Amino acid sequence: SSDSLLDKPDSETFDIVDSDDAQPLDDDWFDDDAYVTVSTSEVPFNSSLPVISLENIDLLVESSTSNIAYFYLKNEIGMTEEAMWKITLDAGQVLGMTADTLRRKVDLIRRTLNLSDENVRILLERQPTILQLSADQNLAPTILFLQRALDLSKADLRSIVVQFPCVLCYSIKNLKSKLNFFQCLLGFSQDECRKLLVGEPKLLTASVTTGLLPHLRFYTSDLDIPVDKLRTIIQKNPRVLLYSIEDNLVPKLIFYLTMNLRVDSKQMLRLLTKYPQLLDYNLNDHILPITAYLMQEIEYSPTEVRQIILSFPRIMTHSLRKIKHVVGYLRFELGLEAAQVKRVLYQAPQVIGLNTDDNLKKKVAFLRDDFSLTRNELRRVITGMPTLLICSIEHNLQPKTDYLRTVFENKRDLHDAVLTLPGLLGYSLEKRIKPRMERLLEIGSHPKGITIGIPMKDEAFDQWLGRRENRLEKNPGFDDKARSQGAASLNNKEAVIVHVDNKNREEKNGRITHWTRERRPPPQQSN
């Protein structure tokens, strides 16, 4: 996702420190001799003093400025003029310290965090108030506490401090309360907590009382998310604890998902557990325009949009332009009707994420060429089983096609089988297609019988196979007659219609989708 689509963090997270989080800058945090003593009394003229020659003026200037903080920061550290102005405005006391005092603090930070010169400059430019803190009574204890509490390596600690130097300005008591929130209230282990905070160190800048605890109450009380599930959500997207509740979470989760799309608490939990990064996208500029397009142009109902988001929440990671491009390809290049496009995107919204030229067109060409489908037949297969477009050719479609070619007598029989039941290619090759095909061949049945038997549950398949075996024993020509009737039906464009049983969409016993035939009603007998 692009940064332009990310909501801004809560305003409270921009604060360097909360009022109750900052270390009090007590006098005992500074060395009494840390400041340059400037006498305001004039030195009386003494004619016996040696005259300063022009030759040693440079040496005198260098000696007088060698222990001044301004020149140390600018010349030795390499701070820019802009950074020096920031130090003057935000931490003016630093310029009153001696260069030796600043050098000792910088050397401590550089050594314990293994910082480069560039890292030091970045750190001081972002948080110049670090130089106001005592090296022995504040910086060293804080660094040691973080290392021990989270078992941080120097690389981990450096990553945290360089991104958010203000962490070194918090008191140890403050940092303990934040770690207790994650480890005690949320139940993170030390290892999990370390990975979480190294991955998103901004969490250490959030206040416990005004930031972290309100978020915990919102998710567990308002959205009814169990703590163990919330922990998983946070691990996948730590920023869910940083977004403003009123300005971000409530509009997205309550107004948009719950009230507009009728997402219930169980569906909300499933959505956030599956893809919590959905919250990273701007509601007004990104999510709502996509939703409006799906409802107004594709004519989905709110509940249909809800189902699409639940099954493929990453649809919101794509731009509206990308979605329109895929719809345009299906509609005008592939020649699908509007209702067929609607069905394809509803059954397989993952199609939106495919590259049209490098992926989608290749799969369409594979289905057309390998099964000798006409343009109309290709459209029937794709709308009959839209999920074929999201199956890998190399690892899914090609192995199934190769196996079916070895079983069927000729390409025409395989063509008819796929046209009769496009869902045939959606079943697992090893768990469903091969086992049932082998049992069909054992009783002497034609392979095309797989189109009838493969959608059935195991018990129903066993019963059907037994009846089919009895018919073949009594009438060996039964299979040939059924084949000829099926071919005639296809030629007369009265092929059997298939539909998806939405109650059995999840893969079970090697199935991807449960397919059943729509039966024509029997002819009424005249009285």
Protein backbone atom coordinates (compact mmCIF):
# COMPACT_ATOMS: atom_id res chain seq x y z
CA SER A 1 0.00 0.00 0.00
CA SER A 2 1.24 3.52 -0.77
CA ASP A 3 1.88 6.05 1.95
CA SER A 4 -0.69 8.36 0.43
CA LEU A 5 -3.40 5.88 1.35
CA LEU A 6 -2.30 5.49 4.95
CA ASP A 7 -4.10 7.46 7.59
CA LYS A 8 -2.03 9.76 9.71
CA PRO A 9 -1.20 8.42 13.16
CA ASP A 10 -3.01 9.81 16.15
CA SER A 11 -1.93 13.28 17.15
CA GLU A 12 -0.88 11.99 20.55
CA THR A 13 1.76 9.80 18.96
CA PHE A 14 3.44 12.87 17.50
CA ASP A 15 4.14 14.22 20.95
CA ILE A 16 7.74 13.64 21.87
CA VAL A 17 6.69 12.80 25.39
CA ASP A 18 3.41 12.96 27.26
CA SER A 19 3.27 15.32 30.18
CA ASP A 20 3.42 12.42 32.59
CA ASP A 21 5.97 10.52 30.54
CA ALA A 22 8.85 12.97 30.43
CA GLN A 23 11.82 12.72 32.73
CA PRO A 24 11.93 15.78 35.02
CA LEU A 25 15.08 17.69 34.15
CA ASP A 26 16.28 17.99 37.73
CA ASP A 27 19.54 19.71 38.50
CA ASP A 28 21.07 16.46 39.71
CA TRP A 29 20.82 15.11 36.19
CA PHE A 30 23.54 17.50 35.13
CA ASP A 31 27.13 17.76 36.21
CA ASP A 32 27.74 20.98 38.14
CA ASP A 33 30.80 21.59 36.03
CA ALA A 34 29.04 20.85 32.79
CA TYR A 35 28.51 24.49 31.95
CA VAL A 36 31.02 27.08 30.78
CA THR A 37 31.55 29.71 33.49
CA VAL A 38 31.50 33.22 32.05
CA SER A 39 32.66 36.06 34.26
CA THR A 40 30.91 39.37 33.84
CA SER A 41 33.65 41.36 35.57
CA GLU A 42 36.14 43.16 33.43
CA VAL A 43 39.80 42.19 33.59
CA PRO A 44 41.87 45.26 34.63
CA PHE A 45 44.50 46.36 32.19
CA ASN A 46 47.99 45.25 33.10
CA SER A 47 50.84 46.71 31.09
CA SER A 48 53.02 43.82 32.09
CA LEU A 49 50.88 41.32 30.20
CA PRO A 50 52.54 39.97 27.05
CA VAL A 51 51.43 41.48 23.79
CA ILE A 52 49.55 39.03 21.57
CA SER A 53 51.09 38.87 18.15
CA LEU A 54 49.19 38.37 14.91
CA GLU A 55 50.96 35.04 14.42
CA ASN A 56 49.32 33.33 17.38
CA ILE A 57 45.82 34.75 17.01
CA ASP A 58 44.62 31.54 15.29
CA LEU A 59 46.01 29.44 18.13
CA LEU A 60 44.25 31.67 20.68
CA VAL A 61 40.91 31.41 18.87
CA GLU A 62 41.21 27.64 18.54
CA SER A 63 42.05 27.33 22.25
CA SER A 64 39.13 29.50 23.31
CA THR A 65 36.56 27.62 21.18
CA SER A 66 37.75 24.05 21.68
CA ASN A 67 35.50 23.48 24.68
CA ILE A 68 32.40 25.37 23.50
CA ALA A 69 29.34 23.23 22.79
CA TYR A 70 28.29 25.06 19.62
CA PHE A 71 31.58 24.46 17.84
CA TYR A 72 31.74 20.83 19.04
CA LEU A 73 28.30 20.06 17.63
CA LYS A 74 28.86 21.93 14.39
CA ASN A 75 32.45 21.00 13.65
CA GLU A 76 32.97 17.58 15.23
CA ILE A 77 29.47 16.11 15.00
CA GLY A 78 28.70 17.86 11.71
CA MET A 79 25.32 19.32 12.62
CA THR A 80 23.73 21.54 9.97
CA GLU A 81 22.75 25.16 10.55
CA GLU A 82 19.11 24.13 10.58
CA ALA A 83 19.82 21.50 13.24
CA MET A 84 21.74 24.03 15.31
CA TRP A 85 18.77 26.39 15.22
CA LYS A 86 16.53 23.55 16.39
CA ILE A 87 18.89 22.84 19.27
CA THR A 88 18.90 26.54 20.14
CA LEU A 89 15.10 26.68 20.22
CA ASP A 90 14.25 23.25 21.68
CA ALA A 91 17.21 22.57 23.93
CA GLY A 92 19.01 25.85 24.46
CA GLN A 93 20.57 24.61 27.70
CA VAL A 94 22.76 22.28 25.66
CA LEU A 95 24.74 25.21 24.27
CA GLY A 96 25.70 26.23 27.81
CA MET A 97 27.41 22.91 28.49
CA THR A 98 31.06 22.20 27.91
CA ALA A 99 32.13 20.24 24.87
CA ASP A 100 33.67 17.59 27.13
CA THR A 101 30.32 16.94 28.79
CA LEU A 102 28.53 16.60 25.44
CA ARG A 103 31.34 14.45 24.09
CA ARG A 104 30.95 12.03 27.00
CA LYS A 105 27.18 11.68 26.35
CA VAL A 106 27.63 11.23 22.63
CA ASP A 107 30.40 8.68 23.14
CA LEU A 108 28.13 6.72 25.53
CA ILE A 109 25.30 6.60 23.00
CA ARG A 110 27.67 5.83 20.13
CA ARG A 111 29.37 3.00 22.01
CA THR A 112 26.33 1.29 23.56
CA LEU A 113 24.25 1.46 20.39
CA ASN A 114 27.11 1.00 17.93
CA LEU A 115 26.10 4.12 16.01
CA SER A 116 27.77 5.52 12.95
CA ASP A 117 28.50 9.25 12.61
CA GLU A 118 25.44 9.58 10.40
CA ASN A 119 23.28 7.77 12.98
CA VAL A 120 24.48 10.17 15.67
CA ARG A 121 23.60 13.21 13.56
CA ILE A 122 20.14 11.82 12.75
CA LEU A 123 19.48 11.00 16.39
CA LEU A 124 20.52 14.45 17.67
CA GLU A 125 18.64 16.27 14.92
CA ARG A 126 15.44 14.41 15.77
CA GLN A 127 15.77 14.60 19.54
CA PRO A 128 18.27 17.26 20.68
CA THR A 129 16.88 17.14 24.23
CA ILE A 130 18.77 13.87 24.70
CA LEU A 131 21.85 16.00 25.29
CA GLN A 132 20.18 17.58 28.31
CA LEU A 133 20.05 14.23 30.11
CA SER A 134 22.73 12.95 32.42
CA ALA A 135 24.91 10.25 30.90
CA ASP A 136 25.29 8.34 34.18
CA GLN A 137 21.91 8.88 35.83
CA ASN A 138 19.61 8.72 32.82
CA LEU A 139 20.98 7.58 29.46
CA ALA A 140 23.02 4.61 30.64
CA PRO A 141 20.30 3.20 32.99
CA THR A 142 17.59 3.57 30.31
CA ILE A 143 19.66 1.82 27.66
CA LEU A 144 20.56 -0.96 30.07
CA PHE A 145 16.92 -1.40 31.11
CA LEU A 146 15.70 -1.75 27.52
CA GLN A 147 18.43 -4.24 26.69
CA ARG A 148 17.64 -6.44 29.69
CA ALA A 149 13.84 -6.11 29.70
CA LEU A 150 13.47 -7.08 26.04
CA ASP A 151 16.72 -9.02 25.56
CA LEU A 152 17.65 -6.62 22.77
CA SER A 153 20.75 -6.88 20.66
CA LYS A 154 22.67 -3.73 19.81
CA ALA A 155 21.19 -3.83 16.31
CA ASP A 156 17.63 -4.05 17.68
CA LEU A 157 18.16 -1.24 20.18
CA ARG A 158 19.84 0.91 17.54
CA SER A 159 16.89 0.39 15.21
CA ILE A 160 14.45 1.53 17.90
CA VAL A 161 16.43 4.56 19.08
CA VAL A 162 17.38 5.87 15.63
CA GLN A 163 13.73 5.79 14.52
CA PHE A 164 12.35 7.19 17.78
CA PRO A 165 15.09 8.82 19.88
CA CYS A 166 12.46 10.09 22.30
CA VAL A 167 12.40 6.58 23.80
CA LEU A 168 15.58 7.52 25.69
CA CYS A 169 13.74 10.48 27.24
CA TYR A 170 11.12 8.34 28.98
CA SER A 171 11.59 7.35 32.58
CA ILE A 172 12.21 3.71 33.41
CA LYS A 173 8.92 3.72 35.31
CA ASN A 174 7.14 4.86 32.17
CA LEU A 175 8.80 2.22 30.01
CA LYS A 176 7.96 -0.48 32.57
CA SER A 177 4.27 0.43 32.43
CA LYS A 178 4.28 0.07 28.64
CA LEU A 179 6.04 -3.28 28.71
CA ASN A 180 3.61 -4.48 31.40
CA PHE A 181 0.73 -3.55 29.10
CA PHE A 182 2.03 -5.81 26.35
CA GLN A 183 3.28 -8.66 28.51
CA CYS A 184 0.72 -8.73 31.34
CA LEU A 185 -2.51 -7.43 29.79
CA LEU A 186 -2.07 -8.74 26.26
CA GLY A 187 -0.03 -11.80 27.19
CA PHE A 188 2.95 -11.35 24.88
CA SER A 189 6.05 -13.31 25.80
CA GLN A 190 9.38 -11.51 26.02
CA ASP A 191 10.37 -12.80 22.60
CA GLU A 192 7.03 -11.76 21.05
CA CYS A 193 7.22 -8.38 22.73
CA ARG A 194 10.72 -7.80 21.41
CA LYS A 195 9.71 -8.67 17.85
CA LEU A 196 6.64 -6.46 18.13
CA LEU A 197 8.46 -3.37 19.42
CA VAL A 198 11.45 -3.74 17.14
CA GLY A 199 9.07 -4.04 14.20
CA GLU A 200 6.94 -1.07 15.30
CA PRO A 201 8.93 0.99 17.86
CA LYS A 202 6.35 3.76 17.65
CA LEU A 203 4.30 1.72 20.12
CA LEU A 204 6.76 2.83 22.82
CA THR A 205 5.75 6.45 22.20
CA ALA A 206 2.05 5.84 22.94
CA SER A 207 0.73 6.71 26.36
CA VAL A 208 -0.66 3.77 28.34
CA THR A 209 -3.52 5.71 29.94
CA THR A 210 -4.65 7.78 26.96
CA GLY A 211 -3.61 5.51 24.09
CA LEU A 212 -3.02 1.82 24.69
CA LEU A 213 -5.69 1.10 27.32
CA PRO A 214 -8.52 2.86 25.41
CA HIS A 215 -7.62 0.82 22.32
CA LEU A 216 -7.71 -2.39 24.34
CA ARG A 217 -11.17 -1.52 25.71
CA PHE A 218 -12.44 -0.60 22.23
CA TYR A 219 -11.40 -3.88 20.63
CA THR A 220 -12.40 -6.18 23.49
CA SER A 221 -15.57 -4.41 24.66
CA ASP A 222 -17.01 -2.61 21.63
CA LEU A 223 -15.99 -5.19 19.02
CA ASP A 224 -16.09 -8.23 21.32
CA ILE A 225 -12.65 -9.48 20.23
CA PRO A 226 -11.03 -11.94 22.68
CA VAL A 227 -7.62 -10.93 23.98
CA ASP A 228 -5.87 -13.93 22.43
CA LYS A 229 -7.31 -13.05 19.00
CA LEU A 230 -6.44 -9.39 19.51
CA ARG A 231 -2.87 -10.45 20.20
CA THR A 232 -2.74 -12.17 16.80
CA ILE A 233 -4.20 -9.09 15.11
CA ILE A 234 -1.60 -6.82 16.74
CA GLN A 235 1.24 -9.12 15.69
CA LYS A 236 0.08 -8.89 12.08
CA ASN A 237 -0.46 -5.12 12.17
CA PRO A 238 0.80 -3.30 15.29
CA ARG A 239 -0.56 -0.01 13.97
CA VAL A 240 -4.07 -1.01 15.05
CA LEU A 241 -3.00 0.31 18.48
CA LEU A 242 -1.86 3.66 17.07
CA TYR A 243 -4.80 4.80 14.97
CA SER A 244 -7.22 7.30 16.45
CA ILE A 245 -10.33 5.60 17.80
CA GLU A 246 -12.70 8.48 17.03
CA ASP A 247 -11.22 9.65 13.73
CA ASN A 248 -10.15 6.33 12.25
CA LEU A 249 -11.34 3.11 13.87
CA VAL A 250 -14.95 4.08 14.60
CA PRO A 251 -15.66 5.37 11.05
CA LYS A 252 -14.14 2.27 9.45
CA LEU A 253 -15.18 -0.52 11.78
CA ILE A 254 -18.47 0.82 13.15
CA PHE A 255 -19.98 3.12 10.53
CA TYR A 256 -18.63 1.50 7.34
CA LEU A 257 -18.33 -2.21 8.09
CA THR A 258 -20.92 -2.73 10.82
CA MET A 259 -23.66 -0.25 9.89
CA ASN A 260 -23.30 -0.03 6.09
CA LEU A 261 -22.18 -3.54 5.15
CA ARG A 262 -23.85 -5.33 8.09
CA VAL A 263 -20.70 -7.08 9.24
CA ASP A 264 -21.44 -8.91 12.50
CA SER A 265 -18.99 -9.49 15.37
CA LYS A 266 -17.89 -12.94 14.16
CA GLN A 267 -17.29 -11.67 10.65
CA MET A 268 -15.41 -8.66 12.02
CA LEU A 269 -13.14 -10.95 14.00
CA ARG A 270 -12.52 -13.11 10.94
CA LEU A 271 -11.77 -10.07 8.79
CA LEU A 272 -9.34 -8.43 11.22
CA THR A 273 -7.62 -11.72 11.94
CA LYS A 274 -7.25 -12.45 8.25
CA TYR A 275 -6.07 -9.02 7.10
CA PRO A 276 -5.82 -6.25 9.73
CA GLN A 277 -3.86 -4.14 7.22
CA LEU A 278 -7.26 -3.13 5.86
CA LEU A 279 -7.22 -0.43 8.55
CA ASP A 280 -4.16 1.15 6.93
CA TYR A 281 -6.18 2.46 3.98
CA ASN A 282 -7.93 5.80 3.93
CA LEU A 283 -11.70 5.49 4.19
CA ASN A 284 -12.82 8.56 2.24
CA ASP A 285 -10.15 8.61 -0.45
CA HIS A 286 -9.81 4.88 -1.13
CA ILE A 287 -12.23 2.45 0.51
CA LEU A 288 -15.49 4.34 -0.14
CA PRO A 289 -14.79 5.05 -3.86
CA ILE A 290 -14.09 1.34 -4.46
CA THR A 291 -17.25 0.39 -2.59
CA ALA A 292 -19.31 2.90 -4.58
CA TYR A 293 -17.96 1.48 -7.85
CA LEU A 294 -18.79 -2.09 -6.87
CA MET A 295 -22.32 -1.16 -5.83
CA GLN A 296 -23.18 1.32 -8.56
CA GLU A 297 -21.34 0.01 -11.62
CA ILE A 298 -21.18 -3.76 -10.94
CA GLU A 299 -24.52 -3.57 -9.05
CA TYR A 300 -23.55 -5.54 -5.97
CA SER A 301 -25.72 -5.27 -2.90
CA PRO A 302 -24.14 -4.24 0.44
CA THR A 303 -24.20 -7.86 1.60
CA GLU A 304 -22.46 -8.97 -1.60
CA VAL A 305 -19.76 -6.34 -1.12
CA ARG A 306 -19.42 -7.60 2.44
CA GLN A 307 -18.89 -11.16 1.20
CA ILE A 308 -16.27 -10.02 -1.31
CA ILE A 309 -14.33 -8.15 1.38
CA LEU A 310 -14.57 -11.08 3.79
CA SER A 311 -13.29 -13.55 1.21
CA PHE A 312 -10.67 -11.22 -0.29
CA PRO A 313 -9.96 -8.18 1.95
CA ARG A 314 -6.88 -7.43 -0.15
CA ILE A 315 -9.20 -6.07 -2.81
CA MET A 316 -8.75 -2.78 -0.96
CA THR A 317 -5.00 -2.87 -1.58
CA HIS A 318 -5.63 -2.29 -5.29
CA SER A 319 -6.42 1.04 -6.85
CA LEU A 320 -9.81 1.77 -8.36
CA ARG A 321 -8.06 2.08 -11.71
CA LYS A 322 -6.73 -1.46 -11.40
CA ILE A 323 -10.19 -2.82 -10.57
CA LYS A 324 -11.71 -1.02 -13.56
CA HIS A 325 -8.96 -2.38 -15.80
CA VAL A 326 -9.71 -6.01 -14.84
CA VAL A 327 -13.45 -5.46 -15.21
CA GLY A 328 -12.84 -3.93 -18.64
CA TYR A 329 -10.80 -6.96 -19.72
CA LEU A 330 -13.48 -9.42 -18.60
CA ARG A 331 -16.27 -7.36 -20.10
CA PHE A 332 -14.90 -6.25 -23.44
CA GLU A 333 -11.88 -8.43 -24.33
CA LEU A 334 -13.19 -11.72 -23.00
CA GLY A 335 -16.74 -10.80 -23.97
CA LEU A 336 -18.54 -11.62 -20.73
CA GLU A 337 -21.96 -10.17 -20.08
CA ALA A 338 -22.39 -7.77 -17.16
CA ALA A 339 -24.09 -10.46 -15.08
CA GLN A 340 -21.25 -12.87 -15.86
CA VAL A 341 -18.62 -10.35 -14.77
CA LYS A 342 -20.57 -9.86 -11.57
CA ARG A 343 -20.57 -13.62 -10.96
CA VAL A 344 -16.85 -14.03 -11.71
CA LEU A 345 -15.79 -11.26 -9.31
CA TYR A 346 -18.15 -12.50 -6.62
CA GLN A 347 -16.95 -16.09 -6.81
CA ALA A 348 -13.27 -15.25 -7.38
CA PRO A 349 -12.48 -11.65 -6.32
CA GLN A 350 -8.80 -12.64 -6.25
CA VAL A 351 -8.90 -12.12 -10.02
CA ILE A 352 -8.55 -8.40 -9.27
CA GLY A 353 -5.03 -9.00 -7.99
CA LEU A 354 -3.81 -10.79 -11.12
CA ASN A 355 -1.65 -9.11 -13.73
CA THR A 356 -3.76 -9.02 -16.86
CA ASP A 357 -1.01 -9.61 -19.42
CA ASP A 358 1.36 -11.87 -17.49
CA ASN A 359 -1.19 -13.97 -15.65
CA LEU A 360 -4.86 -13.65 -16.49
CA LYS A 361 -4.55 -13.81 -20.27
CA LYS A 362 -2.23 -16.84 -20.07
CA LYS A 363 -4.78 -18.79 -18.01
CA VAL A 364 -7.57 -17.90 -20.40
CA ALA A 365 -5.40 -19.03 -23.32
CA PHE A 366 -4.56 -22.28 -21.52
CA LEU A 367 -8.23 -23.17 -20.97
CA ARG A 368 -9.12 -22.26 -24.55
CA ASP A 369 -6.27 -24.13 -26.24
CA ASP A 370 -5.92 -27.22 -24.05
CA PHE A 371 -9.63 -28.05 -24.15
CA SER A 372 -10.33 -26.77 -27.69
CA LEU A 373 -13.02 -24.37 -26.52
CA THR A 374 -14.82 -21.93 -28.75
CA ARG A 375 -15.26 -18.33 -27.57
CA ASN A 376 -18.76 -19.04 -26.27
CA GLU A 377 -17.66 -22.29 -24.61
CA LEU A 378 -14.73 -20.50 -22.96
CA ARG A 379 -17.12 -17.96 -21.45
CA ARG A 380 -19.34 -20.79 -20.17
CA VAL A 381 -16.40 -22.55 -18.49
CA ILE A 382 -15.11 -19.37 -16.85
CA THR A 383 -18.50 -18.29 -15.54
CA GLY A 384 -19.25 -21.87 -14.51
CA MET A 385 -16.06 -22.09 -12.42
CA PRO A 386 -14.52 -18.60 -11.95
CA THR A 387 -11.93 -19.90 -9.48
CA LEU A 388 -10.11 -21.56 -12.39
CA LEU A 389 -8.69 -18.11 -13.15
CA ILE A 390 -6.86 -18.00 -9.82
CA CYS A 391 -5.40 -21.52 -10.08
CA SER A 392 -1.75 -21.93 -11.00
CA ILE A 393 -1.18 -23.40 -14.46
CA GLU A 394 2.07 -25.10 -13.55
CA HIS A 395 1.08 -26.53 -10.18
CA ASN A 396 -2.67 -27.01 -10.60
CA LEU A 397 -4.31 -26.89 -14.01
CA GLN A 398 -1.55 -28.51 -16.06
CA PRO A 399 -1.16 -31.66 -13.85
CA LYS A 400 -4.92 -32.21 -13.84
CA THR A 401 -5.14 -31.76 -17.59
CA ASP A 402 -2.25 -34.17 -18.18
CA TYR A 403 -3.90 -36.84 -16.02
CA LEU A 404 -7.34 -36.45 -17.61
CA ARG A 405 -5.82 -36.74 -21.08
CA THR A 406 -4.38 -40.14 -20.19
CA VAL A 407 -7.79 -41.35 -19.00
CA PHE A 408 -10.17 -40.07 -21.67
CA GLU A 409 -10.20 -41.81 -25.05
CA ASN A 410 -9.99 -38.63 -27.09
CA LYS A 411 -9.81 -34.86 -26.71
CA ARG A 412 -13.49 -34.47 -27.65
CA ASP A 413 -14.62 -36.53 -24.66
CA LEU A 414 -12.43 -34.42 -22.35
CA HIS A 415 -13.77 -31.27 -23.98
CA ASP A 416 -17.35 -32.41 -23.33
CA ALA A 417 -16.58 -33.35 -19.74
CA VAL A 418 -15.09 -29.94 -18.92
CA LEU A 419 -17.95 -28.18 -20.67
CA THR A 420 -20.49 -30.28 -18.77
CA LEU A 421 -18.84 -29.67 -15.41
CA PRO A 422 -16.22 -26.86 -15.35
CA GLY A 423 -15.88 -27.53 -11.64
CA LEU A 424 -14.13 -30.80 -12.49
CA LEU A 425 -10.87 -28.86 -12.71
CA GLY A 426 -11.48 -27.34 -9.31
CA TYR A 427 -11.19 -30.57 -7.33
CA SER A 428 -7.98 -31.90 -5.84
CA LEU A 429 -6.15 -34.20 -8.22
CA GLU A 430 -4.76 -36.57 -5.59
CA LYS A 431 -7.62 -36.44 -3.07
CA ARG A 432 -10.63 -36.45 -5.36
CA ILE A 433 -10.10 -36.79 -9.11
CA LYS A 434 -7.73 -39.78 -9.19
CA PRO A 435 -9.42 -41.90 -6.47
CA ARG A 436 -12.90 -41.57 -7.97
CA MET A 437 -11.75 -41.92 -11.55
CA GLU A 438 -9.95 -45.16 -10.68
CA ARG A 439 -13.07 -46.58 -9.05
CA LEU A 440 -15.12 -45.63 -12.12
CA LEU A 441 -12.70 -47.40 -14.44
CA GLU A 442 -12.67 -50.48 -12.21
CA ILE A 443 -16.38 -51.10 -12.88
CA GLY A 444 -15.90 -50.52 -16.60
CA SER A 445 -17.60 -47.14 -16.72
CA HIS A 446 -16.67 -44.44 -19.20
CA PRO A 447 -14.47 -41.73 -17.67
CA LYS A 448 -17.08 -39.08 -18.42
CA GLY A 449 -19.14 -40.48 -15.56
CA ILE A 450 -16.81 -38.53 -13.32
CA THR A 451 -18.88 -35.41 -14.07
CA ILE A 452 -21.77 -37.04 -12.21
CA GLY A 453 -19.93 -38.74 -9.40
CA ILE A 454 -17.25 -36.25 -8.37
CA PRO A 455 -19.51 -33.62 -6.71
CA MET A 456 -21.13 -36.25 -4.43
CA LYS A 457 -20.22 -36.88 -0.83
CA ASP A 458 -18.43 -40.14 -0.12
CA GLU A 459 -21.50 -42.09 1.00
CA ALA A 460 -23.63 -40.86 -1.89
CA PHE A 461 -20.81 -41.64 -4.35
CA ASP A 462 -20.55 -45.23 -3.08
CA GLN A 463 -24.28 -45.76 -3.51
CA TRP A 464 -24.30 -44.17 -6.97
CA LEU A 465 -21.30 -46.24 -8.06
CA GLY A 466 -23.04 -49.43 -6.93
CA ARG A 467 -26.16 -48.59 -8.95
CA ARG A 468 -24.05 -47.70 -11.98
CA GLU A 469 -22.19 -51.01 -11.78
CA ASN A 470 -25.49 -52.94 -11.67
CA ARG A 471 -26.77 -51.07 -14.73
CA LEU A 472 -23.60 -51.79 -16.66
CA GLU A 473 -23.87 -55.51 -15.81
CA LYS A 474 -27.46 -55.63 -17.03
CA ASN A 475 -26.97 -53.33 -20.01
CA PRO A 476 -23.37 -52.98 -21.23
CA GLY A 477 -24.47 -50.30 -23.72
CA PHE A 478 -25.84 -48.09 -20.97
CA ASP A 479 -22.69 -45.96 -20.84
CA ASP A 480 -22.57 -45.41 -24.61
CA LYS A 481 -26.20 -44.30 -24.68
CA ALA A 482 -25.61 -41.84 -21.85
CA ARG A 483 -22.59 -40.45 -23.67
CA SER A 484 -24.49 -39.91 -26.93
CA GLN A 485 -27.37 -38.21 -25.11
CA GLY A 486 -24.95 -35.94 -23.31
CA ALA A 487 -23.16 -35.00 -26.54
CA ALA A 488 -26.47 -34.25 -28.26
CA SER A 489 -27.50 -32.06 -25.37
CA LEU A 490 -24.28 -30.07 -25.65
CA ASN A 491 -24.60 -29.71 -29.41
CA ASN A 492 -28.14 -28.43 -29.05
CA LYS A 493 -26.86 -25.83 -26.54
CA GLU A 494 -29.00 -27.35 -23.83
CA ALA A 495 -26.09 -28.32 -21.62
CA VAL A 496 -26.67 -29.06 -18.02
CA ILE A 497 -26.53 -25.93 -15.90
CA VAL A 498 -24.31 -25.98 -12.88
CA HIS A 499 -24.37 -23.76 -9.86
CA VAL A 500 -22.45 -23.31 -6.66
CA ASP A 501 -23.75 -24.52 -3.35
CA ASN A 502 -22.59 -21.60 -1.19
CA LYS A 503 -22.94 -23.63 1.97
CA ASN A 504 -20.08 -25.89 0.90
CA ARG A 505 -17.56 -23.40 -0.44
CA GLU A 506 -14.68 -24.42 1.78
CA GLU A 507 -12.42 -27.21 0.68
CA LYS A 508 -13.48 -30.48 2.26
CA ASN A 509 -12.29 -33.96 1.34
CA GLY A 510 -10.26 -32.56 -1.53
CA ARG A 511 -13.01 -30.33 -2.93
CA ILE A 512 -12.67 -26.66 -3.70
CA THR A 513 -16.33 -26.07 -4.46
CA HIS A 514 -19.35 -28.31 -4.17
CA TRP A 515 -21.21 -28.48 -7.47
CA THR A 516 -24.65 -29.88 -8.15
CA ARG A 517 -26.73 -30.08 -11.27
CA GLU A 518 -29.89 -28.11 -11.68
CA ARG A 519 -32.48 -30.73 -12.51
CA ARG A 520 -35.28 -30.10 -14.95
CA PRO A 521 -38.69 -30.90 -13.46
CA PRO A 522 -40.17 -34.20 -14.70
CA PRO A 523 -42.92 -33.89 -17.31
CA GLN A 524 -46.41 -33.82 -15.83
CA GLN A 525 -48.57 -36.80 -16.64
CA SER A 526 -52.01 -36.12 -18.03
CA ASN A 527 -54.92 -37.37 -16.02
